[in-house]
PDB file of N, CA and C in Angstrom:
ATOM      1  N   UNK A   1      56.084 -26.251 -35.358  1.00  0.00           N
ATOM      2  CA  UNK A   1      55.100 -27.019 -36.114  1.00  0.00           C
ATOM      3  C   UNK A   1      53.727 -26.367 -36.030  1.00  0.00           C
ATOM      4  N   UNK A   2      53.360 -25.903 -34.857  1.00  0.00           N
ATOM      5  CA  UNK A   2      52.041 -25.277 -34.728  1.00  0.00           C
ATOM      6  C   UNK A   2      51.978 -23.964 -35.507  1.00  0.00           C
ATOM      7  N   UNK A   3      53.102 -23.265 -35.617  1.00  0.00           N
ATOM      8  CA  UNK A   3      53.122 -22.013 -36.370  1.00  0.00           C
ATOM      9  C   UNK A   3      52.812 -22.287 -37.837  1.00  0.00           C
ATOM     10  N   UNK A   4      53.341 -23.376 -38.368  1.00  0.00           N
ATOM     11  CA  UNK A   4      53.065 -23.731 -39.760  1.00  0.00           C
ATOM     12  C   UNK A   4      51.568 -24.004 -39.966  1.00  0.00           C
ATOM     13  N   UNK A   5      50.951 -24.678 -39.024  1.00  0.00           N
ATOM     14  CA  UNK A   5      49.530 -24.996 -39.148  1.00  0.00           C
ATOM     15  C   UNK A   5      48.706 -23.711 -39.136  1.00  0.00           C
ATOM     16  N   UNK A   6      49.083 -22.769 -38.258  1.00  0.00           N
ATOM     17  CA  UNK A   6      48.349 -21.505 -38.179  1.00  0.00           C
ATOM     18  C   UNK A   6      48.479 -20.752 -39.499  1.00  0.00           C
ATOM     19  N   UNK A   7      49.657 -20.751 -40.087  1.00  0.00           N
ATOM     20  CA  UNK A   7      49.844 -20.041 -41.357  1.00  0.00           C
ATOM     21  C   UNK A   7      49.001 -20.677 -42.466  1.00  0.00           C
ATOM     22  N   UNK A   8      48.950 -21.989 -42.493  1.00  0.00           N
ATOM     23  CA  UNK A   8      48.133 -22.665 -43.509  1.00  0.00           C
ATOM     24  C   UNK A   8      46.662 -22.312 -43.300  1.00  0.00           C
ATOM     25  N   UNK A   9      46.201 -22.315 -42.045  1.00  0.00           N
ATOM     26  CA  UNK A   9      44.806 -21.974 -41.761  1.00  0.00           C
ATOM     27  C   UNK A   9      44.509 -20.538 -42.173  1.00  0.00           C
ATOM     28  N   UNK A  10      45.425 -19.621 -41.871  1.00  0.00           N
ATOM     29  CA  UNK A  10      45.214 -18.224 -42.252  1.00  0.00           C
ATOM     30  C   UNK A  10      45.111 -18.091 -43.766  1.00  0.00           C
ATOM     31  N   UNK A  11      45.944 -18.831 -44.470  1.00  0.00           N
ATOM     32  CA  UNK A  11      45.904 -18.749 -45.933  1.00  0.00           C
ATOM     33  C   UNK A  11      44.560 -19.252 -46.459  1.00  0.00           C
ATOM     34  N   UNK A  12      44.072 -20.356 -45.930  1.00  0.00           N
ATOM     35  CA  UNK A  12      42.799 -20.884 -46.419  1.00  0.00           C
ATOM     36  C   UNK A  12      41.647 -19.937 -46.061  1.00  0.00           C
ATOM     37  N   UNK A  13      41.709 -19.317 -44.888  1.00  0.00           N
ATOM     38  CA  UNK A  13      40.674 -18.344 -44.519  1.00  0.00           C
ATOM     39  C   UNK A  13      40.695 -17.161 -45.485  1.00  0.00           C
ATOM     40  N   UNK A  14      41.872 -16.698 -45.843  1.00  0.00           N
ATOM     41  CA  UNK A  14      41.972 -15.581 -46.784  1.00  0.00           C
ATOM     42  C   UNK A  14      41.402 -15.961 -48.143  1.00  0.00           C
ATOM     43  N   UNK A  15      41.653 -17.199 -48.572  1.00  0.00           N
ATOM     44  CA  UNK A  15      41.105 -17.642 -49.853  1.00  0.00           C
ATOM     45  C   UNK A  15      39.588 -17.689 -49.794  1.00  0.00           C
ATOM     46  N   UNK A  16      39.040 -18.138 -48.660  1.00  0.00           N
ATOM     47  CA  UNK A  16      37.583 -18.182 -48.515  1.00  0.00           C
ATOM     48  C   UNK A  16      37.012 -16.769 -48.565  1.00  0.00           C
ATOM     49  N   UNK A  17      37.671 -15.828 -47.900  1.00  0.00           N
ATOM     50  CA  UNK A  17      37.211 -14.437 -47.911  1.00  0.00           C
ATOM     51  C   UNK A  17      37.242 -13.885 -49.333  1.00  0.00           C
ATOM     52  N   UNK A  18      38.295 -14.184 -50.085  1.00  0.00           N
ATOM     53  CA  UNK A  18      38.403 -13.708 -51.468  1.00  0.00           C
ATOM     54  C   UNK A  18      37.265 -14.276 -52.304  1.00  0.00           C
ATOM     55  N   UNK A  19      36.967 -15.557 -52.140  1.00  0.00           N
ATOM     56  CA  UNK A  19      35.877 -16.180 -52.905  1.00  0.00           C
ATOM     57  C   UNK A  19      34.550 -15.525 -52.551  1.00  0.00           C
ATOM     58  N   UNK A  20      34.312 -15.277 -51.264  1.00  0.00           N
ATOM     59  CA  UNK A  20      33.057 -14.641 -50.847  1.00  0.00           C
ATOM     60  C   UNK A  20      32.956 -13.237 -51.438  1.00  0.00           C
ATOM     61  N   UNK A  21      34.040 -12.482 -51.406  1.00  0.00           N
ATOM     62  CA  UNK A  21      34.031 -11.123 -51.967  1.00  0.00           C
ATOM     63  C   UNK A  21      33.757 -11.164 -53.462  1.00  0.00           C
ATOM     64  N   UNK A  22      34.379 -12.104 -54.168  1.00  0.00           N
ATOM     65  CA  UNK A  22      34.168 -12.219 -55.615  1.00  0.00           C
ATOM     66  C   UNK A  22      32.712 -12.550 -55.909  1.00  0.00           C
ATOM     67  N   UNK A  23      32.119 -13.455 -55.141  1.00  0.00           N
ATOM     68  CA  UNK A  23      30.713 -13.819 -55.353  1.00  0.00           C
ATOM     69  C   UNK A  23      29.818 -12.613 -55.104  1.00  0.00           C
ATOM     70  N   UNK A  24      30.082 -11.870 -54.044  1.00  0.00           N
ATOM     71  CA  UNK A  24      29.270 -10.690 -53.739  1.00  0.00           C
ATOM     72  C   UNK A  24      29.390  -9.655 -54.858  1.00  0.00           C
ATOM     73  N   UNK A  25      30.589  -9.456 -55.363  1.00  0.00           N
ATOM     74  CA  UNK A  25      30.792  -8.484 -56.448  1.00  0.00           C
ATOM     75  C   UNK A  25      30.053  -8.928 -57.702  1.00  0.00           C
ATOM     76  N   UNK A  26      30.116 -10.217 -58.015  1.00  0.00           N
ATOM     77  CA  UNK A  26      29.429 -10.718 -59.213  1.00  0.00           C
ATOM     78  C   UNK A  26      27.923 -10.545 -59.076  1.00  0.00           C
ATOM     79  N   UNK A  27      27.379 -10.876 -57.901  1.00  0.00           N
ATOM     80  CA  UNK A  27      25.933 -10.730 -57.691  1.00  0.00           C
ATOM     81  C   UNK A  27      25.525  -9.260 -57.766  1.00  0.00           C
ATOM     82  N   UNK A  28      26.323  -8.389 -57.164  1.00  0.00           N
ATOM     83  CA  UNK A  28      25.999  -6.962 -57.199  1.00  0.00           C
ATOM     84  C   UNK A  28      26.070  -6.419 -58.620  1.00  0.00           C
ATOM     85  N   UNK A  29      27.063  -6.841 -59.387  1.00  0.00           N
ATOM     86  CA  UNK A  29      27.183  -6.382 -60.768  1.00  0.00           C
ATOM     87  C   UNK A  29      26.023  -6.894 -61.618  1.00  0.00           C
ATOM     88  N   UNK A  30      25.617  -8.135 -61.386  1.00  0.00           N
ATOM     89  CA  UNK A  30      24.475  -8.675 -62.135  1.00  0.00           C
ATOM     90  C   UNK A  30      23.197  -7.919 -61.786  1.00  0.00           C
ATOM     91  N   UNK A  31      23.011  -7.623 -60.503  1.00  0.00           N
ATOM     92  CA  UNK A  31      21.820  -6.872 -60.093  1.00  0.00           C
ATOM     93  C   UNK A  31      21.827  -5.471 -60.699  1.00  0.00           C
ATOM     94  N   UNK A  32      22.994  -4.832 -60.706  1.00  0.00           N
ATOM     95  CA  UNK A  32      23.092  -3.501 -61.314  1.00  0.00           C
ATOM     96  C   UNK A  32      22.806  -3.559 -62.808  1.00  0.00           C
ATOM     97  N   UNK A  33      23.289  -4.612 -63.466  1.00  0.00           N
ATOM     98  CA  UNK A  33      23.029  -4.755 -64.902  1.00  0.00           C
ATOM     99  C   UNK A  33      21.546  -4.954 -65.170  1.00  0.00           C
ATOM    100  N   UNK A  34      20.882  -5.728 -64.320  1.00  0.00           N
ATOM    101  CA  UNK A  34      19.438  -5.937 -64.476  1.00  0.00           C
ATOM    102  C   UNK A  34      18.690  -4.614 -64.327  1.00  0.00           C
ATOM    103  N   UNK A  35      19.080  -3.823 -63.331  1.00  0.00           N
ATOM    104  CA  UNK A  35      18.421  -2.527 -63.126  1.00  0.00           C
ATOM    105  C   UNK A  35      18.659  -1.609 -64.323  1.00  0.00           C
ATOM    106  N   UNK A  36      19.894  -1.571 -64.810  1.00  0.00           N
ATOM    107  CA  UNK A  36      20.215  -0.710 -65.958  1.00  0.00           C
ATOM    108  C   UNK A  36      19.409  -1.134 -67.181  1.00  0.00           C
ATOM    109  N   UNK A  37      19.343  -2.455 -67.422  1.00  0.00           N
ATOM    110  CA  UNK A  37      18.598  -2.934 -68.590  1.00  0.00           C
ATOM    111  C   UNK A  37      17.113  -2.651 -68.426  1.00  0.00           C
ATOM    112  N   UNK A  38      16.583  -2.798 -67.218  1.00  0.00           N
ATOM    113  CA  UNK A  38      15.161  -2.525 -66.992  1.00  0.00           C
ATOM    114  C   UNK A  38      14.849  -1.048 -67.259  1.00  0.00           C
ATOM    115  N   UNK A  39      15.681  -0.162 -66.746  1.00  0.00           N
ATOM    116  CA  UNK A  39      15.463   1.269 -66.965  1.00  0.00           C
ATOM    117  C   UNK A  39      15.621   1.603 -68.444  1.00  0.00           C
ATOM    118  N   UNK A  40      16.649   1.054 -69.074  1.00  0.00           N
ATOM    119  CA  UNK A  40      16.874   1.342 -70.498  1.00  0.00           C
ATOM    120  C   UNK A  40      15.729   0.804 -71.344  1.00  0.00           C
ATOM    121  N   UNK A  41      15.210  -0.361 -71.005  1.00  0.00           N
ATOM    122  CA  UNK A  41      14.114  -0.915 -71.794  1.00  0.00           C
ATOM    123  C   UNK A  41      12.855  -0.072 -71.636  1.00  0.00           C
ATOM    124  N   UNK A  42      12.621   0.445 -70.442  1.00  0.00           N
ATOM    125  CA  UNK A  42      11.476   1.343 -70.257  1.00  0.00           C
ATOM    126  C   UNK A  42      11.631   2.594 -71.114  1.00  0.00           C
ATOM    127  N   UNK A  43      12.827   3.149 -71.162  1.00  0.00           N
ATOM    128  CA  UNK A  43      13.074   4.346 -71.967  1.00  0.00           C
ATOM    129  C   UNK A  43      12.873   4.027 -73.444  1.00  0.00           C
ATOM    130  N   UNK A  44      13.375   2.861 -73.870  1.00  0.00           N
ATOM    131  CA  UNK A  44      13.253   2.483 -75.283  1.00  0.00           C
ATOM    132  C   UNK A  44      11.790   2.262 -75.637  1.00  0.00           C
ATOM    133  N   UNK A  45      11.039   1.608 -74.751  1.00  0.00           N
ATOM    134  CA  UNK A  45       9.625   1.346 -75.030  1.00  0.00           C
ATOM    135  C   UNK A  45       8.854   2.658 -75.122  1.00  0.00           C
ATOM    136  N   UNK A  46       9.163   3.587 -74.238  1.00  0.00           N
ATOM    137  CA  UNK A  46       8.491   4.888 -74.292  1.00  0.00           C
ATOM    138  C   UNK A  46       8.888   5.635 -75.560  1.00  0.00           C
ATOM    139  N   UNK A  47      10.154   5.550 -75.939  1.00  0.00           N
ATOM    140  CA  UNK A  47      10.634   6.303 -77.109  1.00  0.00           C
ATOM    141  C   UNK A  47      10.046   5.757 -78.400  1.00  0.00           C
ATOM    142  N   UNK A  48      10.006   4.437 -78.537  1.00  0.00           N
ATOM    143  CA  UNK A  48       9.500   3.858 -79.788  1.00  0.00           C
ATOM    144  C   UNK A  48       8.747   2.574 -79.459  1.00  0.00           C
ATOM    145  N   UNK A  49       7.442   2.659 -79.436  1.00  0.00           N
ATOM    146  CA  UNK A  49       6.649   1.493 -79.055  1.00  0.00           C
ATOM    147  C   UNK A  49       6.539   0.496 -80.204  1.00  0.00           C
ATOM    148  N   UNK A  50       6.868   0.892 -81.423  1.00  0.00           N
ATOM    149  CA  UNK A  50       6.698  -0.009 -82.566  1.00  0.00           C
ATOM    150  C   UNK A  50       7.776  -1.088 -82.598  1.00  0.00           C
ATOM    151  N   UNK A  51       9.003  -0.759 -82.198  1.00  0.00           N
ATOM    152  CA  UNK A  51      10.101  -1.728 -82.286  1.00  0.00           C
ATOM    153  C   UNK A  51      10.554  -2.155 -80.890  1.00  0.00           C
ATOM    154  N   UNK A  52       9.597  -2.312 -79.988  1.00  0.00           N
ATOM    155  CA  UNK A  52       9.979  -2.622 -78.612  1.00  0.00           C
ATOM    156  C   UNK A  52      10.519  -4.043 -78.483  1.00  0.00           C
ATOM    157  N   UNK A  53       9.988  -4.988 -79.250  1.00  0.00           N
ATOM    158  CA  UNK A  53      10.431  -6.376 -79.096  1.00  0.00           C
ATOM    159  C   UNK A  53      11.879  -6.540 -79.527  1.00  0.00           C
ATOM    160  N   UNK A  54      12.266  -5.913 -80.639  1.00  0.00           N
ATOM    161  CA  UNK A  54      13.651  -6.035 -81.088  1.00  0.00           C
ATOM    162  C   UNK A  54      14.591  -5.309 -80.131  1.00  0.00           C
ATOM    163  N   UNK A  55      14.144  -4.195 -79.576  1.00  0.00           N
ATOM    164  CA  UNK A  55      14.989  -3.473 -78.627  1.00  0.00           C
ATOM    165  C   UNK A  55      15.163  -4.274 -77.344  1.00  0.00           C
ATOM    166  N   UNK A  56      14.101  -4.921 -76.880  1.00  0.00           N
ATOM    167  CA  UNK A  56      14.208  -5.742 -75.674  1.00  0.00           C
ATOM    168  C   UNK A  56      15.114  -6.936 -75.918  1.00  0.00           C
ATOM    169  N   UNK A  57      15.047  -7.510 -77.115  1.00  0.00           N
ATOM    170  CA  UNK A  57      15.939  -8.621 -77.442  1.00  0.00           C
ATOM    171  C   UNK A  57      17.386  -8.161 -77.422  1.00  0.00           C
ATOM    172  N   UNK A  58      17.637  -6.998 -77.993  1.00  0.00           N
ATOM    173  CA  UNK A  58      18.995  -6.451 -78.003  1.00  0.00           C
ATOM    174  C   UNK A  58      19.487  -6.177 -76.589  1.00  0.00           C
ATOM    175  N   UNK A  59      18.632  -5.616 -75.752  1.00  0.00           N
ATOM    176  CA  UNK A  59      19.021  -5.337 -74.368  1.00  0.00           C
ATOM    177  C   UNK A  59      19.235  -6.626 -73.580  1.00  0.00           C
ATOM    178  N   UNK A  60      18.451  -7.651 -73.870  1.00  0.00           N
ATOM    179  CA  UNK A  60      18.651  -8.944 -73.208  1.00  0.00           C
ATOM    180  C   UNK A  60      19.997  -9.539 -73.588  1.00  0.00           C
ATOM    181  N   UNK A  61      20.340  -9.452 -74.852  1.00  0.00           N
ATOM    182  CA  UNK A  61      21.649  -9.935 -75.291  1.00  0.00           C
ATOM    183  C   UNK A  61      22.769  -9.135 -74.638  1.00  0.00           C
ATOM    184  N   UNK A  62      22.561  -7.833 -74.503  1.00  0.00           N
ATOM    185  CA  UNK A  62      23.551  -6.993 -73.829  1.00  0.00           C
ATOM    186  C   UNK A  62      23.728  -7.415 -72.378  1.00  0.00           C
ATOM    187  N   UNK A  63      22.616  -7.734 -71.722  1.00  0.00           N
ATOM    188  CA  UNK A  63      22.688  -8.195 -70.331  1.00  0.00           C
ATOM    189  C   UNK A  63      23.478  -9.485 -70.239  1.00  0.00           C
ATOM    190  N   UNK A  64      23.243 -10.415 -71.142  1.00  0.00           N
ATOM    191  CA  UNK A  64      23.974 -11.680 -71.127  1.00  0.00           C
ATOM    192  C   UNK A  64      25.466 -11.424 -71.309  1.00  0.00           C
ATOM    193  N   UNK A  65      25.827 -10.536 -72.215  1.00  0.00           N
ATOM    194  CA  UNK A  65      27.236 -10.224 -72.445  1.00  0.00           C
ATOM    195  C   UNK A  65      27.858  -9.615 -71.193  1.00  0.00           C
ATOM    196  N   UNK A  66      27.143  -8.702 -70.542  1.00  0.00           N
ATOM    197  CA  UNK A  66      27.664  -8.061 -69.330  1.00  0.00           C
ATOM    198  C   UNK A  66      27.895  -9.106 -68.236  1.00  0.00           C
ATOM    199  N   UNK A  67      26.932 -10.002 -68.037  1.00  0.00           N
ATOM    200  CA  UNK A  67      27.075 -11.021 -66.997  1.00  0.00           C
ATOM    201  C   UNK A  67      28.243 -11.946 -67.315  1.00  0.00           C
ATOM    202  N   UNK A  68      28.392 -12.350 -68.566  1.00  0.00           N
ATOM    203  CA  UNK A  68      29.504 -13.233 -68.938  1.00  0.00           C
ATOM    204  C   UNK A  68      30.836 -12.540 -68.693  1.00  0.00           C
ATOM    205  N   UNK A  69      30.933 -11.260 -69.041  1.00  0.00           N
ATOM    206  CA  UNK A  69      32.184 -10.531 -68.835  1.00  0.00           C
ATOM    207  C   UNK A  69      32.494 -10.404 -67.351  1.00  0.00           C
ATOM    208  N   UNK A  70      31.480 -10.124 -66.537  1.00  0.00           N
ATOM    209  CA  UNK A  70      31.703  -9.978 -65.095  1.00  0.00           C
ATOM    210  C   UNK A  70      32.140 -11.310 -64.488  1.00  0.00           C
ATOM    211  N   UNK A  71      31.483 -12.392 -64.882  1.00  0.00           N
ATOM    212  CA  UNK A  71      31.853 -13.707 -64.346  1.00  0.00           C
ATOM    213  C   UNK A  71      33.267 -14.084 -64.783  1.00  0.00           C
ATOM    214  N   UNK A  72      33.612 -13.796 -66.023  1.00  0.00           N
ATOM    215  CA  UNK A  72      34.957 -14.099 -66.502  1.00  0.00           C
ATOM    216  C   UNK A  72      36.004 -13.277 -65.755  1.00  0.00           C
ATOM    217  N   UNK A  73      35.705 -12.008 -65.499  1.00  0.00           N
ATOM    218  CA  UNK A  73      36.645 -11.164 -64.758  1.00  0.00           C
ATOM    219  C   UNK A  73      36.808 -11.653 -63.326  1.00  0.00           C
ATOM    220  N   UNK A  74      35.706 -12.081 -62.715  1.00  0.00           N
ATOM    221  CA  UNK A  74      35.790 -12.599 -61.347  1.00  0.00           C
ATOM    222  C   UNK A  74      36.588 -13.894 -61.308  1.00  0.00           C
ATOM    223  N   UNK A  75      36.391 -14.748 -62.290  1.00  0.00           N
ATOM    224  CA  UNK A  75      37.160 -15.998 -62.339  1.00  0.00           C
ATOM    225  C   UNK A  75      38.638 -15.716 -62.551  1.00  0.00           C
ATOM    226  N   UNK A  76      38.947 -14.734 -63.377  1.00  0.00           N
ATOM    227  CA  UNK A  76      40.349 -14.382 -63.604  1.00  0.00           C
ATOM    228  C   UNK A  76      40.968 -13.763 -62.355  1.00  0.00           C
ATOM    229  N   UNK A  77      40.176 -13.006 -61.591  1.00  0.00           N
ATOM    230  CA  UNK A  77      40.706 -12.373 -60.375  1.00  0.00           C
ATOM    231  C   UNK A  77      40.989 -13.401 -59.288  1.00  0.00           C
ATOM    232  N   UNK A  78      40.210 -14.465 -59.261  1.00  0.00           N
ATOM    233  CA  UNK A  78      40.421 -15.493 -58.236  1.00  0.00           C
ATOM    234  C   UNK A  78      41.376 -16.535 -58.749  1.00  0.00           C
TER     235      UNK A  78
END
């Protein structure tokens, strides 16, 4: 009986570890996406200062898409 309890506890601990890893991966991917968008927006602003607002809007939408895809992938993995 005690062996069964230990196995159940081990399983729940593993699930908690998986959830923590997924959260860390999602946060890291979001941070990387923010850095990429920030660098890309700086390059776009330097390249063409006249259409910077539309380019920033496009990059913001791209960031939202990246975050949604990462969150969906993490949810599917868990």
